[in-house]
Amino acid sequence: MRARQPVQRRTHTRALPIVLMVAASLVTAPARAGETRYVVVTPDSPAEFTLWTSYAASVNCARALLAGRDEREWCEVGVGGIVPKVGKIGHGTEVELLDDAECQDMAHVRIVTGTMKGQVGCMVQRALSTKKPE
């Protein structure tokens, strides 16, 4: 009888940053609606942060990546006619906090400045600061 060969599992290093961002958003205390915040990019963070259409969209993307599913389908284009991302938000973008219940433990924001002005969605709270970056 032949010995079984161990199954090699692919590591999903692309999923790790998304999973970490979602996890980090769970430990950050929510702020009050109507307050102004600024997107701050640090050396440890991505160059831009994703504005998700919903909390569920961000979680579904992370789960799909961990399961080895098609990133484009689950994180970019969407499934069932639901597009998961509103877009990317850069350093210094001013946002207004909305009712945080919509995005659960993520920040529910309206973009105040930049090319996405007026867009609404969910993003990780750790990307936001009360201090305007230089």
Protein backbone atom coordinates (compact mmCIF):
# COMPACT_ATOMS: atom_id res chain seq x y z
CA MET A 1 0.00 0.00 0.00
CA ARG A 2 1.40 3.39 -0.95
CA ALA A 3 1.77 6.16 1.59
CA ARG A 4 -0.34 9.21 1.03
CA GLN A 5 1.42 12.30 -0.20
CA PRO A 6 0.79 15.38 1.95
CA VAL A 7 -1.53 17.87 0.29
CA GLN A 8 0.17 21.13 -0.46
CA ARG A 9 -1.89 24.14 0.40
CA ARG A 10 -1.40 27.45 -1.27
CA THR A 11 -0.97 30.36 1.04
CA HIS A 12 -3.11 33.29 0.17
CA THR A 13 -0.78 36.16 0.91
CA ARG A 14 -2.97 38.57 -1.04
CA ALA A 15 -5.85 37.87 1.34
CA LEU A 16 -3.83 38.60 4.46
CA PRO A 17 -3.91 42.43 4.23
CA ILE A 18 -7.69 42.43 3.70
CA VAL A 19 -8.26 40.01 6.56
CA LEU A 20 -5.99 42.07 8.82
CA MET A 21 -7.78 45.32 7.93
CA VAL A 22 -11.18 43.78 8.70
CA ALA A 23 -9.85 42.34 11.98
CA ALA A 24 -8.25 45.66 12.96
CA SER A 25 -11.52 47.46 12.38
CA LEU A 26 -13.17 45.21 14.95
CA VAL A 27 -11.03 46.51 17.81
CA THR A 28 -11.26 50.23 17.07
CA ALA A 29 -13.81 52.22 19.04
CA PRO A 30 -16.49 53.83 16.84
CA ALA A 31 -16.66 57.61 16.56
CA ARG A 32 -19.75 59.78 16.47
CA ALA A 33 -21.69 60.55 13.29
CA GLY A 34 -21.03 63.94 11.70
CA GLU A 35 -17.40 64.16 12.78
CA THR A 36 -14.68 64.88 10.23
CA ARG A 37 -11.82 62.46 9.73
CA TYR A 38 -8.88 62.25 7.33
CA VAL A 39 -7.48 59.21 5.54
CA VAL A 40 -3.90 58.70 6.65
CA VAL A 41 -1.49 56.42 4.81
CA THR A 42 1.47 55.22 6.89
CA PRO A 43 4.56 53.17 5.97
CA ASP A 44 2.78 50.05 7.35
CA SER A 45 -0.48 50.60 5.45
CA PRO A 46 -1.57 50.20 1.85
CA ALA A 47 -1.02 53.21 -0.46
CA GLU A 48 -4.81 53.61 -0.68
CA PHE A 49 -7.74 52.26 1.30
CA THR A 50 -10.81 50.56 -0.13
CA LEU A 51 -14.24 52.12 0.22
CA TRP A 52 -16.60 49.11 0.29
CA THR A 53 -20.27 49.18 -0.66
CA SER A 54 -21.04 47.36 2.59
CA TYR A 55 -19.48 45.54 5.51
CA ALA A 56 -20.69 42.25 4.02
CA ALA A 57 -18.87 43.01 0.74
CA SER A 58 -15.55 43.42 2.55
CA VAL A 59 -16.03 40.22 4.55
CA ASN A 60 -17.15 38.24 1.48
CA CYS A 61 -14.04 39.39 -0.39
CA ALA A 62 -11.74 38.33 2.45
CA ARG A 63 -13.46 34.95 2.78
CA ALA A 64 -13.29 34.36 -0.97
CA LEU A 65 -9.57 35.12 -1.03
CA LEU A 66 -8.91 32.76 1.86
CA ALA A 67 -10.90 30.05 0.12
CA GLY A 68 -8.92 30.52 -3.10
CA ARG A 69 -11.83 31.88 -5.12
CA ASP A 70 -11.53 34.33 -7.98
CA GLU A 71 -10.40 37.69 -6.57
CA ARG A 72 -11.75 39.67 -9.53
CA GLU A 73 -15.20 38.13 -9.21
CA TRP A 74 -15.54 38.49 -5.42
CA CYS A 75 -13.56 41.68 -4.77
CA GLU A 76 -13.69 43.75 -7.96
CA VAL A 77 -16.56 42.96 -10.36
CA GLY A 78 -18.93 41.41 -7.85
CA VAL A 79 -21.42 38.57 -7.94
CA GLY A 80 -25.16 38.69 -8.40
CA GLY A 81 -25.01 42.25 -9.71
CA ILE A 82 -23.58 43.63 -6.46
CA VAL A 83 -20.32 45.53 -6.92
CA PRO A 84 -18.27 45.17 -3.72
CA LYS A 85 -16.08 48.29 -3.98
CA VAL A 86 -17.00 51.92 -4.39
CA GLY A 87 -13.35 52.77 -5.05
CA LYS A 88 -9.99 53.59 -3.49
CA ILE A 89 -9.35 56.49 -1.11
CA GLY A 90 -5.99 58.21 -0.94
CA HIS A 91 -3.96 59.96 1.73
CA GLY A 92 -5.42 63.23 3.02
CA THR A 93 -8.97 62.63 1.79
CA GLU A 94 -11.48 64.26 4.11
CA VAL A 95 -14.48 62.14 5.13
CA GLU A 96 -17.58 62.66 7.25
CA LEU A 97 -18.56 59.89 9.65
CA LEU A 98 -22.09 58.59 9.26
CA ASP A 99 -24.17 56.30 11.46
CA ASP A 100 -21.72 53.46 12.17
CA ALA A 101 -24.48 50.81 12.49
CA GLU A 102 -24.62 50.51 8.67
CA CYS A 103 -21.03 49.24 8.49
CA GLN A 104 -20.99 47.35 11.77
CA ASP A 105 -17.43 47.66 13.13
CA MET A 106 -16.09 49.53 10.13
CA ALA A 107 -16.45 53.27 9.64
CA HIS A 108 -19.45 54.39 7.57
CA VAL A 109 -18.26 57.49 5.72
CA ARG A 110 -19.17 60.06 3.09
CA ILE A 111 -16.25 61.35 1.03
CA VAL A 112 -15.97 65.14 1.36
CA THR A 113 -12.96 65.89 -0.86
CA GLY A 114 -11.28 64.42 -3.92
CA THR A 115 -12.46 62.63 -7.03
CA MET A 116 -14.91 60.47 -5.08
CA LYS A 117 -16.61 63.42 -3.37
CA GLY A 118 -20.14 62.49 -2.26
CA GLN A 119 -19.61 58.73 -2.42
CA VAL A 120 -20.68 56.72 0.64
CA GLY A 121 -19.38 53.40 1.93
CA CYS A 122 -17.55 51.40 4.58
CA MET A 123 -13.84 51.52 5.35
CA VAL A 124 -11.46 50.40 8.05
CA GLN A 125 -11.40 52.79 11.00
CA ARG A 126 -7.65 52.51 11.54
CA ALA A 127 -7.14 54.45 8.30
CA LEU A 128 -8.83 57.53 9.78
CA SER A 129 -7.39 60.29 11.92
CA THR A 130 -8.83 63.38 13.58
CA LYS A 131 -5.70 65.29 12.55
CA LYS A 132 -5.39 66.62 9.02
CA PRO A 133 -2.21 65.20 7.47
CA GLU A 134 0.45 67.52 6.10
